[in-house]
PDB file of all heavy atoms in Angstrom:
ATOM      1  N   ARG A   1     -35.045  -8.696  34.867  1.00  0.00           N
ATOM      2  CA  ARG A   1     -34.553  -9.854  34.177  1.00  0.00           C
ATOM      3  C   ARG A   1     -33.090 -10.179  34.478  1.00  0.00           C
ATOM      4  O   ARG A   1     -32.649 -11.417  34.353  1.00  0.00           O
ATOM      5  CB  ARG A   1     -34.790  -9.724  32.583  1.00  0.00           C
ATOM      6  CG  ARG A   1     -36.246  -9.835  32.193  1.00  0.00           C
ATOM      7  CD  ARG A   1     -36.304  -9.875  30.720  1.00  0.00           C
ATOM      8  NE  ARG A   1     -37.791  -9.929  30.181  1.00  0.00           N
ATOM      9  CZ  ARG A   1     -38.527  -8.868  30.345  1.00  0.00           C
ATOM     10  NH1 ARG A   1     -38.201  -7.594  30.520  1.00  0.00           N
ATOM     11  NH2 ARG A   1     -39.776  -9.050  29.965  1.00  0.00           N
ATOM     12  N   VAL A   2     -32.379  -9.199  34.882  1.00  0.00           N
ATOM     13  CA  VAL A   2     -30.964  -9.467  35.089  1.00  0.00           C
ATOM     14  C   VAL A   2     -30.553  -9.262  36.604  1.00  0.00           C
ATOM     15  O   VAL A   2     -29.500  -9.589  37.046  1.00  0.00           O
ATOM     16  CB  VAL A   2     -29.971  -8.652  34.275  1.00  0.00           C
ATOM     17  CG1 VAL A   2     -30.230  -9.021  32.806  1.00  0.00           C
ATOM     18  CG2 VAL A   2     -30.352  -7.179  34.339  1.00  0.00           C
ATOM     19  N   PHE A   3     -31.453  -8.693  37.348  1.00  0.00           N
ATOM     20  CA  PHE A   3     -31.169  -8.484  38.807  1.00  0.00           C
ATOM     21  C   PHE A   3     -32.494  -8.547  39.591  1.00  0.00           C
ATOM     22  O   PHE A   3     -33.309  -7.517  39.462  1.00  0.00           O
ATOM     23  CB  PHE A   3     -30.504  -7.104  39.004  1.00  0.00           C
ATOM     24  CG  PHE A   3     -30.092  -6.890  40.404  1.00  0.00           C
ATOM     25  CD1 PHE A   3     -29.037  -7.552  40.914  1.00  0.00           C
ATOM     26  CD2 PHE A   3     -30.762  -5.997  41.244  1.00  0.00           C
ATOM     27  CE1 PHE A   3     -28.652  -7.458  42.378  1.00  0.00           C
ATOM     28  CE2 PHE A   3     -30.448  -5.827  42.519  1.00  0.00           C
ATOM     29  CZ  PHE A   3     -29.277  -6.497  43.087  1.00  0.00           C
ATOM     30  N   GLY A   4     -32.751  -9.569  40.297  1.00  0.00           N
ATOM     31  CA  GLY A   4     -34.000  -9.567  41.127  1.00  0.00           C
ATOM     32  C   GLY A   4     -34.834 -10.763  40.669  1.00  0.00           C
ATOM     33  O   GLY A   4     -35.249 -11.615  41.571  1.00  0.00           O
ATOM     34  N   GLY A   5     -35.217 -10.894  39.450  1.00  0.00           N
ATOM     35  CA  GLY A   5     -36.027 -11.954  38.958  1.00  0.00           C
ATOM     36  C   GLY A   5     -37.398 -11.876  39.501  1.00  0.00           C
ATOM     37  O   GLY A   5     -37.843 -10.896  39.990  1.00  0.00           O
ATOM     38  N   ASN A   6     -38.164 -12.951  39.405  1.00  0.00           N
ATOM     39  CA  ASN A   6     -39.452 -13.127  39.792  1.00  0.00           C
ATOM     40  C   ASN A   6     -39.579 -13.290  41.416  1.00  0.00           C
ATOM     41  O   ASN A   6     -40.558 -12.826  42.023  1.00  0.00           O
ATOM     42  CB  ASN A   6     -40.241 -14.276  39.303  1.00  0.00           C
ATOM     43  CG  ASN A   6     -40.524 -14.119  37.852  1.00  0.00           C
ATOM     44  OD1 ASN A   6     -39.829 -14.778  36.985  1.00  0.00           O
ATOM     45  ND2 ASN A   6     -41.411 -13.355  37.501  1.00  0.00           N
ATOM     46  N   ILE A   7     -38.535 -13.831  41.962  1.00  0.00           N
ATOM     47  CA  ILE A   7     -38.548 -14.167  43.359  1.00  0.00           C
ATOM     48  C   ILE A   7     -37.306 -13.738  44.056  1.00  0.00           C
ATOM     49  O   ILE A   7     -36.199 -14.024  43.606  1.00  0.00           O
ATOM     50  CB  ILE A   7     -38.804 -15.748  43.569  1.00  0.00           C
ATOM     51  CG1 ILE A   7     -40.118 -16.114  42.933  1.00  0.00           C
ATOM     52  CG2 ILE A   7     -38.721 -16.057  44.970  1.00  0.00           C
ATOM     53  CD1 ILE A   7     -40.317 -17.663  42.959  1.00  0.00           C
ATOM     54  N   GLY A   8     -37.518 -13.044  45.185  1.00  0.00           N
ATOM     55  CA  GLY A   8     -36.456 -12.720  45.981  1.00  0.00           C
ATOM     56  C   GLY A   8     -36.759 -13.193  47.473  1.00  0.00           C
ATOM     57  O   GLY A   8     -37.902 -13.376  47.762  1.00  0.00           O
ATOM     58  N   TYR A   9     -35.651 -13.622  48.223  1.00  0.00           N
ATOM     59  CA  TYR A   9     -35.947 -14.130  49.508  1.00  0.00           C
ATOM     60  C   TYR A   9     -34.798 -13.830  50.420  1.00  0.00           C
ATOM     61  O   TYR A   9     -33.601 -13.726  49.871  1.00  0.00           O
ATOM     62  CB  TYR A   9     -36.356 -15.664  49.433  1.00  0.00           C
ATOM     63  CG  TYR A   9     -35.166 -16.494  48.802  1.00  0.00           C
ATOM     64  CD1 TYR A   9     -34.101 -16.938  49.610  1.00  0.00           C
ATOM     65  CD2 TYR A   9     -35.132 -16.623  47.449  1.00  0.00           C
ATOM     66  CE1 TYR A   9     -33.082 -17.679  48.922  1.00  0.00           C
ATOM     67  CE2 TYR A   9     -34.120 -17.351  46.763  1.00  0.00           C
ATOM     68  CZ  TYR A   9     -33.085 -17.829  47.577  1.00  0.00           C
ATOM     69  OH  TYR A   9     -31.996 -18.510  46.952  1.00  0.00           O
ATOM     70  N   CYS A  10     -34.955 -13.873  51.650  1.00  0.00           N
ATOM     71  CA  CYS A  10     -33.951 -13.711  52.606  1.00  0.00           C
ATOM     72  C   CYS A  10     -34.363 -14.420  53.990  1.00  0.00           C
ATOM     73  O   CYS A  10     -35.503 -14.506  54.306  1.00  0.00           O
ATOM     74  CB  CYS A  10     -33.572 -12.279  53.001  1.00  0.00           C
ATOM     75  SG  CYS A  10     -34.870 -11.235  53.544  1.00  0.00           S
ATOM     76  N   VAL A  11     -33.410 -14.873  54.668  1.00  0.00           N
ATOM     77  CA  VAL A  11     -33.616 -15.502  55.884  1.00  0.00           C
ATOM     78  C   VAL A  11     -32.891 -14.700  56.965  1.00  0.00           C
ATOM     79  O   VAL A  11     -31.766 -14.274  56.680  1.00  0.00           O
ATOM     80  CB  VAL A  11     -33.182 -17.002  55.923  1.00  0.00           C
ATOM     81  CG1 VAL A  11     -33.325 -17.632  57.363  1.00  0.00           C
ATOM     82  CG2 VAL A  11     -34.052 -17.786  54.940  1.00  0.00           C
ATOM     83  N   ARG A  12     -33.509 -14.485  58.176  1.00  0.00           N
ATOM     84  CA  ARG A  12     -32.839 -13.607  59.201  1.00  0.00           C
ATOM     85  C   ARG A  12     -31.507 -14.279  59.566  1.00  0.00           C
ATOM     86  O   ARG A  12     -31.463 -15.428  59.747  1.00  0.00           O
ATOM     87  CB  ARG A  12     -33.722 -13.261  60.220  1.00  0.00           C
ATOM     88  CG  ARG A  12     -34.191 -14.359  61.107  1.00  0.00           C
ATOM     89  CD  ARG A  12     -35.276 -14.051  62.134  1.00  0.00           C
ATOM     90  NE  ARG A  12     -34.701 -13.264  63.170  1.00  0.00           N
ATOM     91  CZ  ARG A  12     -35.381 -12.820  64.380  1.00  0.00           C
ATOM     92  NH1 ARG A  12     -36.631 -13.201  64.386  1.00  0.00           N
ATOM     93  NH2 ARG A  12     -34.738 -12.098  65.128  1.00  0.00           N
ATOM     94  N   PRO A  13     -30.455 -13.494  59.908  1.00  0.00           N
ATOM     95  CA  PRO A  13     -29.123 -14.050  60.257  1.00  0.00           C
ATOM     96  C   PRO A  13     -29.163 -15.107  61.375  1.00  0.00           C
ATOM     97  O   PRO A  13     -28.367 -16.025  61.394  1.00  0.00           O
ATOM     98  CB  PRO A  13     -28.327 -12.816  60.558  1.00  0.00           C
ATOM     99  CG  PRO A  13     -28.879 -11.744  59.695  1.00  0.00           C
ATOM    100  CD  PRO A  13     -30.460 -12.055  59.708  1.00  0.00           C
ATOM    101  N   VAL A  14     -29.948 -14.854  62.344  1.00  0.00           N
ATOM    102  CA  VAL A  14     -29.903 -15.745  63.630  1.00  0.00           C
ATOM    103  C   VAL A  14     -30.273 -17.259  63.233  1.00  0.00           C
ATOM    104  O   VAL A  14     -29.880 -18.100  63.970  1.00  0.00           O
ATOM    105  CB  VAL A  14     -30.680 -15.191  64.713  1.00  0.00           C
ATOM    106  CG1 VAL A  14     -32.172 -15.395  64.505  1.00  0.00           C
ATOM    107  CG2 VAL A  14     -30.278 -15.663  66.007  1.00  0.00           C
ATOM    108  N   VAL A  15     -30.905 -17.434  62.065  1.00  0.00           N
ATOM    109  CA  VAL A  15     -31.235 -18.802  61.756  1.00  0.00           C
ATOM    110  C   VAL A  15     -30.643 -19.253  60.449  1.00  0.00           C
ATOM    111  O   VAL A  15     -31.021 -20.152  59.942  1.00  0.00           O
ATOM    112  CB  VAL A  15     -32.764 -19.047  61.653  1.00  0.00           C
ATOM    113  CG1 VAL A  15     -33.382 -18.932  63.019  1.00  0.00           C
ATOM    114  CG2 VAL A  15     -33.461 -18.014  60.630  1.00  0.00           C
ATOM    115  N   TRP A  16     -29.606 -18.542  59.958  1.00  0.00           N
ATOM    116  CA  TRP A  16     -28.826 -18.983  58.842  1.00  0.00           C
ATOM    117  C   TRP A  16     -28.212 -20.361  58.999  1.00  0.00           C
ATOM    118  O   TRP A  16     -27.889 -20.729  60.157  1.00  0.00           O
ATOM    119  CB  TRP A  16     -27.670 -17.919  58.597  1.00  0.00           C
ATOM    120  CG  TRP A  16     -27.955 -16.753  57.868  1.00  0.00           C
ATOM    121  CD1 TRP A  16     -29.221 -16.392  57.342  1.00  0.00           C
ATOM    122  CD2 TRP A  16     -27.144 -15.560  57.771  1.00  0.00           C
ATOM    123  NE1 TRP A  16     -29.155 -15.052  56.900  1.00  0.00           N
ATOM    124  CE2 TRP A  16     -27.935 -14.535  57.101  1.00  0.00           C
ATOM    125  CE3 TRP A  16     -25.804 -15.306  58.076  1.00  0.00           C
ATOM    126  CZ2 TRP A  16     -27.410 -13.361  56.809  1.00  0.00           C
ATOM    127  CZ3 TRP A  16     -25.383 -14.005  57.744  1.00  0.00           C
ATOM    128  CH2 TRP A  16     -26.075 -13.101  57.072  1.00  0.00           C
ATOM    129  N   GLY A  17     -28.174 -21.113  57.869  1.00  0.00           N
ATOM    130  CA  GLY A  17     -27.562 -22.451  57.956  1.00  0.00           C
ATOM    131  C   GLY A  17     -28.347 -23.607  58.544  1.00  0.00           C
ATOM    132  O   GLY A  17     -27.926 -24.590  58.812  1.00  0.00           O
ATOM    133  N   ASN A  18     -29.753 -23.314  58.610  1.00  0.00           N
ATOM    134  CA  ASN A  18     -30.614 -24.365  59.174  1.00  0.00           C
ATOM    135  C   ASN A  18     -31.468 -24.967  58.161  1.00  0.00           C
ATOM    136  O   ASN A  18     -32.457 -25.525  58.453  1.00  0.00           O
ATOM    137  CB  ASN A  18     -31.375 -23.855  60.374  1.00  0.00           C
ATOM    138  CG  ASN A  18     -30.405 -23.704  61.612  1.00  0.00           C
ATOM    139  OD1 ASN A  18     -29.782 -24.549  61.951  1.00  0.00           O
ATOM    140  ND2 ASN A  18     -30.295 -22.412  62.045  1.00  0.00           N
ATOM    141  N   GLY A  19     -31.369 -24.663  56.842  1.00  0.00           N
ATOM    142  CA  GLY A  19     -32.241 -25.141  55.830  1.00  0.00           C
ATOM    143  C   GLY A  19     -33.542 -24.430  55.494  1.00  0.00           C
ATOM    144  O   GLY A  19     -34.294 -24.763  54.801  1.00  0.00           O
ATOM    145  N   LEU A  20     -33.701 -23.303  56.252  1.00  0.00           N
ATOM    146  CA  LEU A  20     -34.999 -22.530  56.076  1.00  0.00           C
ATOM    147  C   LEU A  20     -35.013 -21.850  54.779  1.00  0.00           C
ATOM    148  O   LEU A  20     -36.081 -21.628  54.290  1.00  0.00           O
ATOM    149  CB  LEU A  20     -35.028 -21.491  57.200  1.00  0.00           C
ATOM    150  CG  LEU A  20     -35.292 -22.037  58.658  1.00  0.00           C
ATOM    151  CD1 LEU A  20     -35.147 -21.047  59.704  1.00  0.00           C
ATOM    152  CD2 LEU A  20     -36.538 -22.827  58.678  1.00  0.00           C
ATOM    153  N   GLY A  21     -33.966 -21.449  54.172  1.00  0.00           N
ATOM    154  CA  GLY A  21     -33.902 -20.816  52.833  1.00  0.00           C
ATOM    155  C   GLY A  21     -34.481 -21.669  51.788  1.00  0.00           C
ATOM    156  O   GLY A  21     -35.338 -21.376  50.916  1.00  0.00           O
ATOM    157  N   THR A  22     -34.079 -23.023  51.803  1.00  0.00           N
ATOM    158  CA  THR A  22     -34.608 -24.020  50.911  1.00  0.00           C
ATOM    159  C   THR A  22     -36.074 -24.286  51.010  1.00  0.00           C
ATOM    160  O   THR A  22     -36.791 -24.273  50.074  1.00  0.00           O
ATOM    161  CB  THR A  22     -33.797 -25.359  51.062  1.00  0.00           C
ATOM    162  OG1 THR A  22     -32.473 -25.066  50.939  1.00  0.00           O
ATOM    163  CG2 THR A  22     -34.300 -26.438  50.122  1.00  0.00           C
ATOM    164  N   ILE A  23     -36.553 -24.298  52.343  1.00  0.00           N
ATOM    165  CA  ILE A  23     -37.902 -24.476  52.611  1.00  0.00           C
ATOM    166  C   ILE A  23     -38.740 -23.358  52.086  1.00  0.00           C
ATOM    167  O   ILE A  23     -39.697 -23.452  51.497  1.00  0.00           O
ATOM    168  CB  ILE A  23     -38.168 -24.844  54.096  1.00  0.00           C
ATOM    169  CG1 ILE A  23     -37.547 -26.180  54.479  1.00  0.00           C
ATOM    170  CG2 ILE A  23     -39.643 -24.818  54.483  1.00  0.00           C
ATOM    171  CD1 ILE A  23     -37.420 -26.382  55.984  1.00  0.00           C
ATOM    172  N   GLN A  24     -38.265 -22.070  52.453  1.00  0.00           N
ATOM    173  CA  GLN A  24     -38.942 -20.878  52.173  1.00  0.00           C
ATOM    174  C   GLN A  24     -39.119 -20.705  50.621  1.00  0.00           C
ATOM    175  O   GLN A  24     -40.240 -20.480  50.098  1.00  0.00           O
ATOM    176  CB  GLN A  24     -38.252 -19.685  52.650  1.00  0.00           C
ATOM    177  CG  GLN A  24     -38.923 -18.391  52.363  1.00  0.00           C
ATOM    178  CD  GLN A  24     -38.192 -17.087  52.890  1.00  0.00           C
ATOM    179  OE1 GLN A  24     -36.920 -17.193  52.869  1.00  0.00           O
ATOM    180  NE2 GLN A  24     -38.859 -16.198  53.346  1.00  0.00           N
ATOM    181  N   LEU A  25     -38.002 -21.005  49.889  1.00  0.00           N
ATOM    182  CA  LEU A  25     -38.060 -20.899  48.458  1.00  0.00           C
ATOM    183  C   LEU A  25     -39.103 -21.877  47.868  1.00  0.00           C
ATOM    184  O   LEU A  25     -39.834 -21.480  46.914  1.00  0.00           O
ATOM    185  CB  LEU A  25     -36.628 -21.036  47.820  1.00  0.00           C
ATOM    186  CG  LEU A  25     -36.772 -21.001  46.270  1.00  0.00           C
ATOM    187  CD1 LEU A  25     -37.355 -19.620  45.775  1.00  0.00           C
ATOM    188  CD2 LEU A  25     -35.316 -21.132  45.695  1.00  0.00           C
ATOM    189  N   HIS A  26     -39.153 -23.120  48.354  1.00  0.00           N
ATOM    190  CA  HIS A  26     -40.157 -24.086  47.923  1.00  0.00           C
ATOM    191  C   HIS A  26     -41.626 -23.499  48.150  1.00  0.00           C
ATOM    192  O   HIS A  26     -42.367 -23.595  47.182  1.00  0.00           O
ATOM    193  CB  HIS A  26     -40.114 -25.434  48.690  1.00  0.00           C
ATOM    194  CG  HIS A  26     -41.003 -26.411  48.237  1.00  0.00           C
ATOM    195  ND1 HIS A  26     -40.902 -27.123  47.023  1.00  0.00           N
ATOM    196  CD2 HIS A  26     -42.118 -26.812  48.944  1.00  0.00           C
ATOM    197  CE1 HIS A  26     -41.961 -27.890  47.088  1.00  0.00           C
ATOM    198  NE2 HIS A  26     -42.661 -27.785  48.169  1.00  0.00           N
ATOM    199  N   PHE A  27     -41.786 -22.998  49.326  1.00  0.00           N
ATOM    200  CA  PHE A  27     -43.203 -22.358  49.530  1.00  0.00           C
ATOM    201  C   PHE A  27     -43.490 -21.176  48.538  1.00  0.00           C
ATOM    202  O   PHE A  27     -44.563 -21.122  48.055  1.00  0.00           O
ATOM    203  CB  PHE A  27     -43.254 -21.829  50.950  1.00  0.00           C
ATOM    204  CG  PHE A  27     -43.371 -22.809  52.004  1.00  0.00           C
ATOM    205  CD1 PHE A  27     -43.128 -22.532  53.286  1.00  0.00           C
ATOM    206  CD2 PHE A  27     -43.652 -24.249  51.764  1.00  0.00           C
ATOM    207  CE1 PHE A  27     -43.195 -23.425  54.371  1.00  0.00           C
ATOM    208  CE2 PHE A  27     -43.701 -25.160  52.829  1.00  0.00           C
ATOM    209  CZ  PHE A  27     -43.513 -24.760  54.167  1.00  0.00           C
ATOM    210  N   LEU A  28     -42.403 -20.391  48.362  1.00  0.00           N
ATOM    211  CA  LEU A  28     -42.619 -19.235  47.454  1.00  0.00           C
ATOM    212  C   LEU A  28     -42.895 -19.729  45.945  1.00  0.00           C
ATOM    213  O   LEU A  28     -43.641 -19.021  45.279  1.00  0.00           O
ATOM    214  CB  LEU A  28     -41.367 -18.301  47.501  1.00  0.00           C
ATOM    215  CG  LEU A  28     -41.193 -17.468  48.683  1.00  0.00           C
ATOM    216  CD1 LEU A  28     -39.825 -16.986  48.829  1.00  0.00           C
ATOM    217  CD2 LEU A  28     -42.326 -16.433  48.876  1.00  0.00           C
ATOM    218  N   LEU A  29     -42.196 -20.723  45.504  1.00  0.00           N
ATOM    219  CA  LEU A  29     -42.493 -21.231  44.231  1.00  0.00           C
ATOM    220  C   LEU A  29     -43.870 -21.767  44.095  1.00  0.00           C
ATOM    221  O   LEU A  29     -44.528 -21.571  43.013  1.00  0.00           O
ATOM    222  CB  LEU A  29     -41.420 -22.384  43.840  1.00  0.00           C
ATOM    223  CG  LEU A  29     -39.941 -21.802  43.790  1.00  0.00           C
ATOM    224  CD1 LEU A  29     -38.992 -23.056  43.655  1.00  0.00           C
ATOM    225  CD2 LEU A  29     -39.812 -21.005  42.511  1.00  0.00           C
ATOM    226  N   MET A  30     -44.419 -22.421  45.110  1.00  0.00           N
ATOM    227  CA  MET A  30     -45.838 -22.808  45.007  1.00  0.00           C
ATOM    228  C   MET A  30     -46.843 -21.727  44.859  1.00  0.00           C
ATOM    229  O   MET A  30     -47.808 -21.711  44.173  1.00  0.00           O
ATOM    230  CB  MET A  30     -46.080 -23.771  46.176  1.00  0.00           C
ATOM    231  CG  MET A  30     -45.499 -25.103  46.244  1.00  0.00           C
ATOM    232  SD  MET A  30     -46.074 -26.351  47.480  1.00  0.00           S
ATOM    233  CE  MET A  30     -45.616 -25.328  49.016  1.00  0.00           C
ATOM    234  N   GLU A  31     -46.473 -20.566  45.648  1.00  0.00           N
ATOM    235  CA  GLU A  31     -47.227 -19.345  45.553  1.00  0.00           C
ATOM    236  C   GLU A  31     -47.084 -18.760  44.060  1.00  0.00           C
ATOM    237  O   GLU A  31     -48.065 -18.265  43.544  1.00  0.00           O
ATOM    238  CB  GLU A  31     -46.907 -18.259  46.651  1.00  0.00           C
ATOM    239  CG  GLU A  31     -47.178 -18.838  48.040  1.00  0.00           C
ATOM    240  CD  GLU A  31     -48.693 -18.900  48.306  1.00  0.00           C
ATOM    241  OE1 GLU A  31     -49.552 -18.173  47.647  1.00  0.00           O
ATOM    242  OE2 GLU A  31     -49.134 -19.671  49.077  1.00  0.00           O
ATOM    243  N   ALA A  32     -45.892 -18.722  43.631  1.00  0.00           N
ATOM    244  CA  ALA A  32     -45.690 -18.130  42.311  1.00  0.00           C
ATOM    245  C   ALA A  32     -46.448 -18.876  41.246  1.00  0.00           C
ATOM    246  O   ALA A  32     -47.101 -18.283  40.297  1.00  0.00           O
ATOM    247  CB  ALA A  32     -44.219 -18.105  41.982  1.00  0.00           C
ATOM    248  N   LYS A  33     -46.694 -20.131  41.299  1.00  0.00           N
ATOM    249  CA  LYS A  33     -47.378 -21.001  40.369  1.00  0.00           C
ATOM    250  C   LYS A  33     -48.943 -20.575  40.542  1.00  0.00           C
ATOM    251  O   LYS A  33     -49.559 -20.477  39.480  1.00  0.00           O
ATOM    252  CB  LYS A  33     -47.214 -22.445  40.695  1.00  0.00           C
ATOM    253  CG  LYS A  33     -47.949 -23.350  39.676  1.00  0.00           C
ATOM    254  CD  LYS A  33     -47.675 -24.792  39.821  1.00  0.00           C
ATOM    255  CE  LYS A  33     -48.378 -25.599  38.714  1.00  0.00           C
ATOM    256  NZ  LYS A  33     -47.953 -26.939  38.643  1.00  0.00           N
ATOM    257  N   LYS A  34     -49.344 -20.346  41.792  1.00  0.00           N
ATOM    258  CA  LYS A  34     -50.774 -19.865  41.952  1.00  0.00           C
ATOM    259  C   LYS A  34     -51.059 -18.579  41.275  1.00  0.00           C
ATOM    260  O   LYS A  34     -52.058 -18.340  40.741  1.00  0.00           O
ATOM    261  CB  LYS A  34     -51.110 -19.820  43.378  1.00  0.00           C
ATOM    262  CG  LYS A  34     -51.131 -21.014  44.164  1.00  0.00           C
ATOM    263  CD  LYS A  34     -51.461 -20.879  45.649  1.00  0.00           C
ATOM    264  CE  LYS A  34     -51.226 -22.004  46.503  1.00  0.00           C
ATOM    265  NZ  LYS A  34     -51.432 -21.654  47.944  1.00  0.00           N
ATOM    266  N   ILE A  35     -50.087 -17.702  41.246  1.00  0.00           N
ATOM    267  CA  ILE A  35     -50.160 -16.441  40.568  1.00  0.00           C
ATOM    268  C   ILE A  35     -50.266 -16.555  39.064  1.00  0.00           C
ATOM    269  O   ILE A  35     -50.807 -15.750  38.301  1.00  0.00           O
ATOM    270  CB  ILE A  35     -49.015 -15.389  40.932  1.00  0.00           C
ATOM    271  CG1 ILE A  35     -49.230 -15.108  42.493  1.00  0.00           C
ATOM    272  CG2 ILE A  35     -48.940 -14.267  40.145  1.00  0.00           C
ATOM    273  CD1 ILE A  35     -48.008 -14.329  43.155  1.00  0.00           C
ATOM    274  N   GLY A  36     -49.695 -17.687  38.537  1.00  0.00           N
ATOM    275  CA  GLY A  36     -49.727 -17.964  37.138  1.00  0.00           C
ATOM    276  C   GLY A  36     -48.371 -17.890  36.464  1.00  0.00           C
ATOM    277  O   GLY A  36     -48.175 -17.899  35.216  1.00  0.00           O
ATOM    278  N   ILE A  37     -47.256 -17.754  37.333  1.00  0.00           N
ATOM    279  CA  ILE A  37     -45.889 -17.774  36.700  1.00  0.00           C
ATOM    280  C   ILE A  37     -45.551 -19.222  36.296  1.00  0.00           C
ATOM    281  O   ILE A  37     -45.748 -20.138  37.213  1.00  0.00           O
ATOM    282  CB  ILE A  37     -44.935 -17.224  37.758  1.00  0.00           C
ATOM    283  CG1 ILE A  37     -45.315 -15.723  38.100  1.00  0.00           C
ATOM    284  CG2 ILE A  37     -43.454 -17.304  37.258  1.00  0.00           C
ATOM    285  CD1 ILE A  37     -44.467 -15.103  39.227  1.00  0.00           C
ATOM    286  N   GLN A  38     -45.195 -19.377  35.118  1.00  0.00           N
ATOM    287  CA  GLN A  38     -44.854 -20.736  34.597  1.00  0.00           C
ATOM    288  C   GLN A  38     -43.385 -21.020  34.727  1.00  0.00           C
ATOM    289  O   GLN A  38     -43.034 -22.211  35.053  1.00  0.00           O
ATOM    290  CB  GLN A  38     -45.309 -20.873  33.186  1.00  0.00           C
ATOM    291  CG  GLN A  38     -46.739 -20.780  33.077  1.00  0.00           C
ATOM    292  CD  GLN A  38     -47.298 -20.853  31.599  1.00  0.00           C
ATOM    293  OE1 GLN A  38     -46.393 -20.766  30.645  1.00  0.00           O
ATOM    294  NE2 GLN A  38     -48.643 -20.981  31.396  1.00  0.00           N
ATOM    295  N   THR A  39     -42.537 -20.125  34.481  1.00  0.00           N
ATOM    296  CA  THR A  39     -41.157 -20.275  34.770  1.00  0.00           C
ATOM    297  C   THR A  39     -40.537 -19.167  35.526  1.00  0.00           C
ATOM    298  O   THR A  39     -40.798 -17.965  35.202  1.00  0.00           O
ATOM    299  CB  THR A  39     -40.407 -20.227  33.389  1.00  0.00           C
ATOM    300  OG1 THR A  39     -40.860 -21.325  32.555  1.00  0.00           O
ATOM    301  CG2 THR A  39     -38.889 -20.421  33.621  1.00  0.00           C
TER     302      THR A  39
END
């Protein structure tokens, strides 16, 4: 609840700064909803 939360993510360093973290988190949030996580 105070460290980690429901979703953790990382993007490999060679592609940092290219918007992939934002896209990846969006995909992960859709998967979390399928699992039944509401918030």
